[in-house]
N, C-alpha and C. Protein backbone atom coordinates (compact mmCIF):
# COMPACT_ATOMS: atom_id res chain seq x y z
N MET A 1 -7.62 -0.14 72.33
CA MET A 1 -8.90 0.50 72.21
C MET A 1 -9.97 -0.45 72.71
N PRO A 2 -10.89 0.04 73.44
CA PRO A 2 -12.09 -0.75 73.68
C PRO A 2 -13.06 -0.52 72.51
N PHE A 3 -13.47 -1.59 71.88
CA PHE A 3 -14.44 -1.52 70.79
C PHE A 3 -15.66 -2.31 71.21
N TRP A 4 -16.78 -1.62 71.32
CA TRP A 4 -18.02 -2.23 71.76
C TRP A 4 -19.01 -2.30 70.62
N GLN A 5 -19.68 -3.45 70.52
CA GLN A 5 -20.80 -3.62 69.59
C GLN A 5 -22.02 -3.95 70.45
N ILE A 6 -23.03 -3.11 70.33
CA ILE A 6 -24.25 -3.28 71.12
C ILE A 6 -25.37 -3.66 70.16
N PHE A 7 -25.78 -4.92 70.22
CA PHE A 7 -26.86 -5.43 69.38
C PHE A 7 -28.16 -5.27 70.16
N HIS A 8 -29.10 -4.53 69.59
CA HIS A 8 -30.33 -4.22 70.31
C HIS A 8 -31.52 -4.25 69.36
N PRO A 9 -32.69 -4.59 69.89
CA PRO A 9 -33.88 -4.62 69.03
C PRO A 9 -34.44 -3.22 68.80
N SER A 10 -35.25 -3.11 67.77
CA SER A 10 -35.97 -1.86 67.53
C SER A 10 -36.74 -1.51 68.79
N GLY A 11 -36.82 -0.22 69.06
CA GLY A 11 -37.53 0.23 70.26
C GLY A 11 -36.60 0.50 71.43
N THR A 12 -35.34 0.09 71.33
CA THR A 12 -34.35 0.39 72.36
C THR A 12 -33.25 1.22 71.72
N PHE A 13 -32.69 2.12 72.50
CA PHE A 13 -31.61 3.00 72.03
C PHE A 13 -31.96 3.65 70.68
N GLU A 14 -33.18 4.16 70.61
CA GLU A 14 -33.66 4.78 69.37
C GLU A 14 -33.22 6.23 69.24
N ASP A 15 -32.95 6.89 70.36
CA ASP A 15 -32.67 8.32 70.30
C ASP A 15 -31.21 8.60 70.69
N THR A 16 -30.73 9.73 70.25
CA THR A 16 -29.35 10.13 70.51
C THR A 16 -29.08 10.27 72.01
N ALA A 17 -30.04 10.79 72.76
CA ALA A 17 -29.83 11.00 74.19
C ALA A 17 -29.56 9.69 74.93
N SER A 18 -30.30 8.63 74.62
CA SER A 18 -30.08 7.35 75.31
C SER A 18 -28.74 6.74 74.91
N LYS A 19 -28.36 6.89 73.66
CA LYS A 19 -27.05 6.39 73.20
C LYS A 19 -25.93 7.18 73.85
N LYS A 20 -26.07 8.49 73.89
CA LYS A 20 -25.04 9.34 74.49
C LYS A 20 -24.83 9.00 75.96
N ALA A 21 -25.93 8.85 76.70
CA ALA A 21 -25.83 8.54 78.13
C ALA A 21 -25.09 7.22 78.36
N LEU A 22 -25.43 6.20 77.58
CA LEU A 22 -24.77 4.91 77.73
C LEU A 22 -23.30 5.01 77.33
N THR A 23 -23.01 5.66 76.21
CA THR A 23 -21.61 5.74 75.77
C THR A 23 -20.76 6.55 76.74
N GLU A 24 -21.34 7.54 77.37
CA GLU A 24 -20.59 8.29 78.38
C GLU A 24 -20.22 7.40 79.57
N ASP A 25 -21.17 6.59 80.03
CA ASP A 25 -20.89 5.70 81.17
C ASP A 25 -19.87 4.62 80.80
N ILE A 26 -19.94 4.11 79.58
CA ILE A 26 -18.95 3.12 79.14
C ILE A 26 -17.57 3.77 79.04
N THR A 27 -17.51 4.96 78.45
CA THR A 27 -16.24 5.65 78.26
C THR A 27 -15.57 5.94 79.60
N LYS A 28 -16.35 6.25 80.63
CA LYS A 28 -15.80 6.53 81.96
C LYS A 28 -15.03 5.33 82.53
N ILE A 29 -15.43 4.12 82.16
CA ILE A 29 -14.69 2.93 82.62
C ILE A 29 -13.23 3.06 82.20
N TYR A 30 -13.02 3.50 80.99
CA TYR A 30 -11.68 3.50 80.40
C TYR A 30 -10.90 4.78 80.69
N THR A 31 -11.57 5.93 80.66
CA THR A 31 -10.85 7.16 81.01
C THR A 31 -10.48 7.14 82.49
N GLY A 32 -11.24 6.39 83.28
CA GLY A 32 -10.94 6.26 84.71
C GLY A 32 -9.63 5.56 84.99
N ILE A 33 -9.12 4.80 84.03
CA ILE A 33 -7.82 4.15 84.21
C ILE A 33 -6.74 4.84 83.37
N GLY A 34 -7.10 6.00 82.80
CA GLY A 34 -6.11 6.80 82.09
C GLY A 34 -6.09 6.69 80.58
N LEU A 35 -6.99 5.89 80.00
CA LEU A 35 -7.00 5.77 78.54
C LEU A 35 -7.62 7.01 77.91
N PRO A 36 -7.17 7.36 76.72
CA PRO A 36 -7.79 8.47 76.00
C PRO A 36 -9.25 8.14 75.66
N ALA A 37 -10.12 9.14 75.75
CA ALA A 37 -11.53 8.92 75.44
C ALA A 37 -11.72 8.45 74.01
N PHE A 38 -10.90 8.93 73.07
CA PHE A 38 -11.11 8.55 71.67
C PHE A 38 -10.78 7.08 71.40
N TYR A 39 -10.15 6.40 72.34
CA TYR A 39 -9.93 4.97 72.18
C TYR A 39 -11.26 4.21 72.18
N VAL A 40 -12.27 4.73 72.87
CA VAL A 40 -13.52 4.01 73.08
C VAL A 40 -14.43 4.22 71.86
N VAL A 41 -14.67 3.13 71.14
CA VAL A 41 -15.53 3.14 69.96
C VAL A 41 -16.72 2.23 70.25
N ILE A 42 -17.93 2.77 70.05
CA ILE A 42 -19.15 2.02 70.36
C ILE A 42 -20.07 2.08 69.16
N ASN A 43 -20.46 0.93 68.66
CA ASN A 43 -21.40 0.84 67.55
C ASN A 43 -22.70 0.24 68.04
N PHE A 44 -23.80 0.92 67.73
CA PHE A 44 -25.14 0.40 68.03
C PHE A 44 -25.64 -0.31 66.78
N MET A 45 -26.01 -1.57 66.94
CA MET A 45 -26.45 -2.39 65.83
C MET A 45 -27.92 -2.76 66.06
N LYS A 46 -28.82 -1.99 65.44
CA LYS A 46 -30.25 -2.23 65.63
C LYS A 46 -30.68 -3.45 64.81
N LEU A 47 -31.40 -4.35 65.47
CA LEU A 47 -31.90 -5.56 64.83
C LEU A 47 -33.41 -5.47 64.65
N PRO A 48 -33.89 -5.79 63.47
CA PRO A 48 -35.34 -5.75 63.25
C PRO A 48 -36.06 -6.82 64.07
N PRO A 49 -37.37 -6.62 64.30
CA PRO A 49 -38.14 -7.64 65.02
C PRO A 49 -37.97 -9.01 64.34
N GLY A 50 -37.81 -10.01 65.16
CA GLY A 50 -37.68 -11.37 64.64
C GLY A 50 -36.25 -11.79 64.35
N ASP A 51 -35.27 -10.89 64.56
CA ASP A 51 -33.88 -11.24 64.28
C ASP A 51 -33.06 -11.58 65.52
N THR A 52 -33.68 -11.58 66.69
CA THR A 52 -32.99 -11.99 67.91
C THR A 52 -33.61 -13.28 68.42
N TRP A 53 -32.79 -14.29 68.50
CA TRP A 53 -33.22 -15.61 68.96
C TRP A 53 -32.32 -16.01 70.12
N VAL A 54 -32.91 -16.53 71.18
CA VAL A 54 -32.17 -17.02 72.33
C VAL A 54 -32.69 -18.42 72.65
N GLY A 55 -31.81 -19.38 72.69
CA GLY A 55 -32.23 -20.75 72.97
C GLY A 55 -33.21 -21.28 71.95
N ALA A 56 -33.00 -20.93 70.70
CA ALA A 56 -33.83 -21.36 69.57
C ALA A 56 -35.26 -20.82 69.63
N GLU A 57 -35.44 -19.76 70.42
CA GLU A 57 -36.75 -19.12 70.49
C GLU A 57 -36.60 -17.65 70.17
N ILE A 58 -37.57 -17.14 69.41
CA ILE A 58 -37.55 -15.74 69.03
C ILE A 58 -37.79 -14.86 70.25
N ARG A 59 -37.07 -13.76 70.34
CA ARG A 59 -37.21 -12.84 71.46
C ARG A 59 -37.91 -11.58 70.99
N THR A 60 -39.19 -11.50 71.26
CA THR A 60 -39.94 -10.30 70.89
C THR A 60 -40.67 -9.70 72.09
N GLU A 61 -40.96 -10.49 73.11
CA GLU A 61 -41.76 -10.00 74.23
C GLU A 61 -40.98 -9.10 75.18
N LYS A 62 -39.68 -9.30 75.30
CA LYS A 62 -38.84 -8.53 76.20
C LYS A 62 -37.52 -8.24 75.49
N PRO A 63 -37.10 -6.98 75.43
CA PRO A 63 -35.86 -6.68 74.72
C PRO A 63 -34.66 -7.46 75.28
N PHE A 64 -33.87 -7.98 74.37
CA PHE A 64 -32.62 -8.66 74.73
C PHE A 64 -31.48 -7.90 74.07
N ILE A 65 -30.53 -7.46 74.89
CA ILE A 65 -29.39 -6.69 74.42
C ILE A 65 -28.15 -7.58 74.51
N ARG A 66 -27.41 -7.68 73.42
CA ARG A 66 -26.18 -8.50 73.39
C ARG A 66 -25.02 -7.57 73.11
N ILE A 67 -24.00 -7.66 73.94
CA ILE A 67 -22.85 -6.75 73.84
C ILE A 67 -21.56 -7.55 73.72
N ILE A 68 -20.75 -7.13 72.77
CA ILE A 68 -19.41 -7.68 72.58
C ILE A 68 -18.43 -6.53 72.75
N ALA A 69 -17.47 -6.70 73.63
CA ALA A 69 -16.44 -5.68 73.83
C ALA A 69 -15.07 -6.30 73.53
N ASP A 70 -14.32 -5.62 72.69
CA ASP A 70 -12.94 -6.02 72.42
C ASP A 70 -12.02 -5.07 73.16
N HIS A 71 -11.14 -5.64 73.96
CA HIS A 71 -10.13 -4.84 74.65
C HIS A 71 -8.80 -5.06 73.94
N ILE A 72 -8.17 -3.96 73.58
CA ILE A 72 -6.89 -4.03 72.88
C ILE A 72 -5.84 -3.21 73.61
N ALA A 73 -6.19 -2.01 74.07
CA ALA A 73 -5.23 -1.09 74.67
C ALA A 73 -4.59 -1.66 75.93
N VAL A 74 -5.38 -2.38 76.72
CA VAL A 74 -4.88 -2.93 77.98
C VAL A 74 -5.40 -4.35 78.13
N ARG A 75 -4.49 -5.26 78.40
CA ARG A 75 -4.89 -6.65 78.68
C ARG A 75 -4.92 -6.86 80.19
N LEU A 76 -5.93 -7.58 80.63
CA LEU A 76 -6.07 -7.83 82.06
C LEU A 76 -5.09 -8.91 82.52
N GLU A 77 -4.65 -8.76 83.74
CA GLU A 77 -3.85 -9.83 84.35
C GLU A 77 -4.76 -11.04 84.55
N ASN A 78 -4.17 -12.23 84.47
CA ASN A 78 -4.93 -13.46 84.65
C ASN A 78 -5.18 -13.67 86.14
N ASP A 79 -6.14 -12.93 86.66
CA ASP A 79 -6.45 -12.94 88.08
C ASP A 79 -7.97 -12.85 88.24
N ASP A 80 -8.55 -13.78 88.97
CA ASP A 80 -10.00 -13.82 89.12
C ASP A 80 -10.57 -12.51 89.67
N GLN A 81 -9.89 -11.89 90.62
CA GLN A 81 -10.40 -10.65 91.21
C GLN A 81 -10.39 -9.51 90.19
N ILE A 82 -9.36 -9.45 89.35
CA ILE A 82 -9.30 -8.41 88.33
C ILE A 82 -10.41 -8.63 87.30
N TYR A 83 -10.63 -9.88 86.90
CA TYR A 83 -11.72 -10.17 85.97
C TYR A 83 -13.07 -9.78 86.59
N LYS A 84 -13.26 -10.11 87.87
CA LYS A 84 -14.52 -9.77 88.54
C LYS A 84 -14.69 -8.26 88.62
N SER A 85 -13.65 -7.55 88.98
CA SER A 85 -13.73 -6.08 89.07
C SER A 85 -14.08 -5.46 87.72
N THR A 86 -13.52 -6.01 86.64
CA THR A 86 -13.81 -5.51 85.31
C THR A 86 -15.28 -5.75 84.96
N CYS A 87 -15.75 -6.96 85.20
CA CYS A 87 -17.16 -7.28 84.91
C CYS A 87 -18.09 -6.45 85.79
N ASP A 88 -17.71 -6.21 87.04
CA ASP A 88 -18.53 -5.38 87.92
C ASP A 88 -18.62 -3.95 87.40
N ALA A 89 -17.50 -3.41 86.90
CA ALA A 89 -17.50 -2.05 86.34
C ALA A 89 -18.41 -1.98 85.11
N ILE A 90 -18.37 -3.01 84.28
CA ILE A 90 -19.23 -3.05 83.10
C ILE A 90 -20.70 -3.14 83.52
N ASP A 91 -21.00 -4.04 84.47
CA ASP A 91 -22.37 -4.16 84.98
C ASP A 91 -22.88 -2.82 85.51
N LYS A 92 -22.04 -2.11 86.26
CA LYS A 92 -22.42 -0.82 86.83
C LYS A 92 -22.73 0.20 85.74
N ALA A 93 -21.91 0.21 84.69
CA ALA A 93 -22.14 1.14 83.59
C ALA A 93 -23.42 0.81 82.83
N LEU A 94 -23.74 -0.47 82.68
CA LEU A 94 -24.91 -0.89 81.91
C LEU A 94 -26.21 -0.77 82.69
N LYS A 95 -26.14 -0.90 84.00
CA LYS A 95 -27.34 -1.02 84.84
C LYS A 95 -28.42 0.04 84.56
N PRO A 96 -28.10 1.33 84.61
CA PRO A 96 -29.19 2.30 84.42
C PRO A 96 -29.77 2.32 83.01
N HIS A 97 -29.02 1.81 82.07
CA HIS A 97 -29.42 1.87 80.66
C HIS A 97 -30.09 0.59 80.16
N ILE A 98 -29.82 -0.50 80.86
CA ILE A 98 -30.32 -1.80 80.39
C ILE A 98 -31.10 -2.52 81.50
N ALA A 99 -30.43 -2.85 82.58
CA ALA A 99 -31.08 -3.61 83.66
C ALA A 99 -32.25 -2.84 84.27
N ASP A 100 -32.04 -1.55 84.55
CA ASP A 100 -33.09 -0.75 85.18
C ASP A 100 -34.28 -0.51 84.26
N ARG A 101 -34.12 -0.77 82.98
CA ARG A 101 -35.23 -0.64 82.03
C ARG A 101 -35.95 -1.97 81.82
N GLY A 102 -35.48 -3.01 82.54
CA GLY A 102 -36.14 -4.30 82.47
C GLY A 102 -35.73 -5.15 81.28
N TYR A 103 -34.66 -4.77 80.60
CA TYR A 103 -34.18 -5.56 79.46
C TYR A 103 -33.36 -6.74 79.96
N ASP A 104 -33.34 -7.79 79.19
CA ASP A 104 -32.39 -8.87 79.41
C ASP A 104 -31.12 -8.53 78.65
N TRP A 105 -30.00 -9.01 79.14
CA TRP A 105 -28.75 -8.68 78.46
C TRP A 105 -27.68 -9.72 78.74
N GLU A 106 -26.68 -9.67 77.90
CA GLU A 106 -25.51 -10.53 78.04
C GLU A 106 -24.34 -9.78 77.43
N PHE A 107 -23.15 -9.94 78.01
CA PHE A 107 -21.97 -9.35 77.40
C PHE A 107 -20.80 -10.31 77.55
N HIS A 108 -19.83 -10.12 76.69
CA HIS A 108 -18.55 -10.78 76.88
C HIS A 108 -17.46 -9.85 76.38
N VAL A 109 -16.26 -10.08 76.88
CA VAL A 109 -15.10 -9.27 76.53
C VAL A 109 -14.04 -10.17 75.93
N ASP A 110 -13.56 -9.77 74.76
CA ASP A 110 -12.41 -10.44 74.14
C ASP A 110 -11.20 -9.54 74.32
N GLU A 111 -10.04 -10.15 74.41
CA GLU A 111 -8.80 -9.38 74.46
C GLU A 111 -7.97 -9.71 73.22
N THR A 112 -7.65 -8.67 72.49
CA THR A 112 -6.89 -8.79 71.26
C THR A 112 -5.43 -8.41 71.53
N GLU A 113 -4.53 -9.07 70.86
CA GLU A 113 -3.11 -8.75 71.00
C GLU A 113 -2.85 -7.30 70.59
N ARG A 114 -2.27 -6.53 71.49
CA ARG A 114 -2.03 -5.11 71.27
C ARG A 114 -1.10 -4.84 70.08
N ARG A 115 -0.20 -5.74 69.81
CA ARG A 115 0.75 -5.54 68.71
C ARG A 115 0.07 -5.57 67.35
N LEU A 116 -1.20 -5.98 67.30
CA LEU A 116 -1.95 -6.01 66.04
C LEU A 116 -2.89 -4.81 65.92
N TRP A 117 -2.53 -3.68 66.52
CA TRP A 117 -3.39 -2.51 66.60
C TRP A 117 -2.64 -1.27 66.14
N ARG A 118 -3.31 -0.44 65.35
CA ARG A 118 -2.78 0.85 64.91
C ARG A 118 -3.91 1.88 64.96
N VAL A 119 -3.54 3.13 65.20
CA VAL A 119 -4.49 4.25 65.17
C VAL A 119 -3.94 5.28 64.19
N ASN A 120 -4.68 5.53 63.13
CA ASN A 120 -4.22 6.44 62.07
C ASN A 120 -2.81 6.05 61.61
N GLY A 121 -2.55 4.76 61.56
CA GLY A 121 -1.26 4.27 61.10
C GLY A 121 -0.16 4.32 62.15
N LEU A 122 -0.46 4.80 63.35
CA LEU A 122 0.54 4.91 64.41
C LEU A 122 0.43 3.75 65.39
N VAL A 123 1.56 3.29 65.86
CA VAL A 123 1.59 2.34 66.96
C VAL A 123 1.21 3.13 68.22
N PRO A 124 0.16 2.71 68.92
CA PRO A 124 -0.21 3.44 70.13
C PRO A 124 0.87 3.33 71.21
N PRO A 125 1.04 4.38 71.98
CA PRO A 125 2.06 4.34 73.04
C PRO A 125 1.68 3.34 74.13
N PRO A 126 2.67 2.87 74.87
CA PRO A 126 2.40 1.92 75.95
C PRO A 126 1.43 2.49 76.99
N PHE A 127 0.66 1.60 77.58
CA PHE A 127 -0.30 1.99 78.61
C PHE A 127 0.40 2.71 79.75
N GLY A 128 -0.14 3.86 80.12
CA GLY A 128 0.39 4.62 81.25
C GLY A 128 1.61 5.46 80.94
N SER A 129 2.10 5.40 79.71
CA SER A 129 3.32 6.14 79.35
C SER A 129 3.02 7.64 79.22
N ASP A 130 4.09 8.43 79.21
CA ASP A 130 3.93 9.87 79.01
C ASP A 130 3.29 10.16 77.65
N ALA A 131 3.68 9.38 76.64
CA ALA A 131 3.11 9.58 75.30
C ALA A 131 1.60 9.31 75.31
N GLU A 132 1.17 8.26 76.02
CA GLU A 132 -0.26 7.98 76.08
C GLU A 132 -1.00 9.08 76.84
N LYS A 133 -0.35 9.65 77.85
CA LYS A 133 -0.97 10.76 78.58
C LYS A 133 -1.17 11.96 77.66
N ILE A 134 -0.26 12.16 76.73
CA ILE A 134 -0.43 13.24 75.75
C ILE A 134 -1.62 12.93 74.84
N TRP A 135 -1.72 11.67 74.41
CA TRP A 135 -2.87 11.26 73.58
C TRP A 135 -4.17 11.52 74.35
N ALA A 136 -4.18 11.20 75.63
CA ALA A 136 -5.39 11.40 76.44
C ALA A 136 -5.70 12.89 76.57
N LYS A 137 -4.68 13.70 76.82
CA LYS A 137 -4.89 15.14 76.97
C LYS A 137 -5.37 15.77 75.67
N GLU A 138 -4.75 15.39 74.56
CA GLU A 138 -5.12 15.94 73.25
C GLU A 138 -6.40 15.30 72.70
N ASN A 139 -6.74 14.11 73.22
CA ASN A 139 -7.87 13.30 72.77
C ASN A 139 -7.79 12.99 71.28
N LYS A 140 -6.59 12.67 70.85
CA LYS A 140 -6.34 12.27 69.46
C LYS A 140 -4.94 11.65 69.38
N PRO A 141 -4.71 10.84 68.34
CA PRO A 141 -3.36 10.29 68.17
C PRO A 141 -2.38 11.37 67.75
N VAL A 142 -1.20 11.33 68.34
CA VAL A 142 -0.14 12.29 68.07
C VAL A 142 1.15 11.49 67.82
N ALA A 143 1.89 11.88 66.79
CA ALA A 143 3.16 11.19 66.53
C ALA A 143 4.03 11.21 67.78
N TRP A 144 4.65 10.10 68.04
CA TRP A 144 5.54 10.00 69.21
C TRP A 144 6.76 9.18 68.82
N GLU A 145 7.78 9.24 69.62
CA GLU A 145 9.08 8.64 69.30
C GLU A 145 9.01 7.14 69.04
N GLY A 146 8.22 6.42 69.77
CA GLY A 146 8.16 4.96 69.63
C GLY A 146 7.25 4.48 68.51
N ALA A 147 6.53 5.38 67.86
CA ALA A 147 5.59 4.98 66.83
C ALA A 147 6.33 4.56 65.57
């Protein structure tokens, strides 16, 4: 599952429409490689004024958005070009929602061991498998033989 935490100051991502637009663009990154849409979980964490500090200085004059993404469903190959392509896809998804609005931002991606992951108590099917394609089609976890 990709699990995203978006830390943002008050005044940004205040309405459902802006959150929906961003989450749709993020979700497309993952459904584009065949993952079920329900794998993508995104939490917006609004921070009150004065709670964002960068370089030991308070950030109030220009919104600063900090994003943490955990990748569990698929681990990237240890290849510079694959890492670059992944970061480029994330930058592209964020651009209209963050960069084009003049916000500063930073993100990082962690990769968690897939064997430490369950969905509704089920072991998720292997990436690209027929069982995972069923999960994607149904957009929910479904009991499968390997679970």
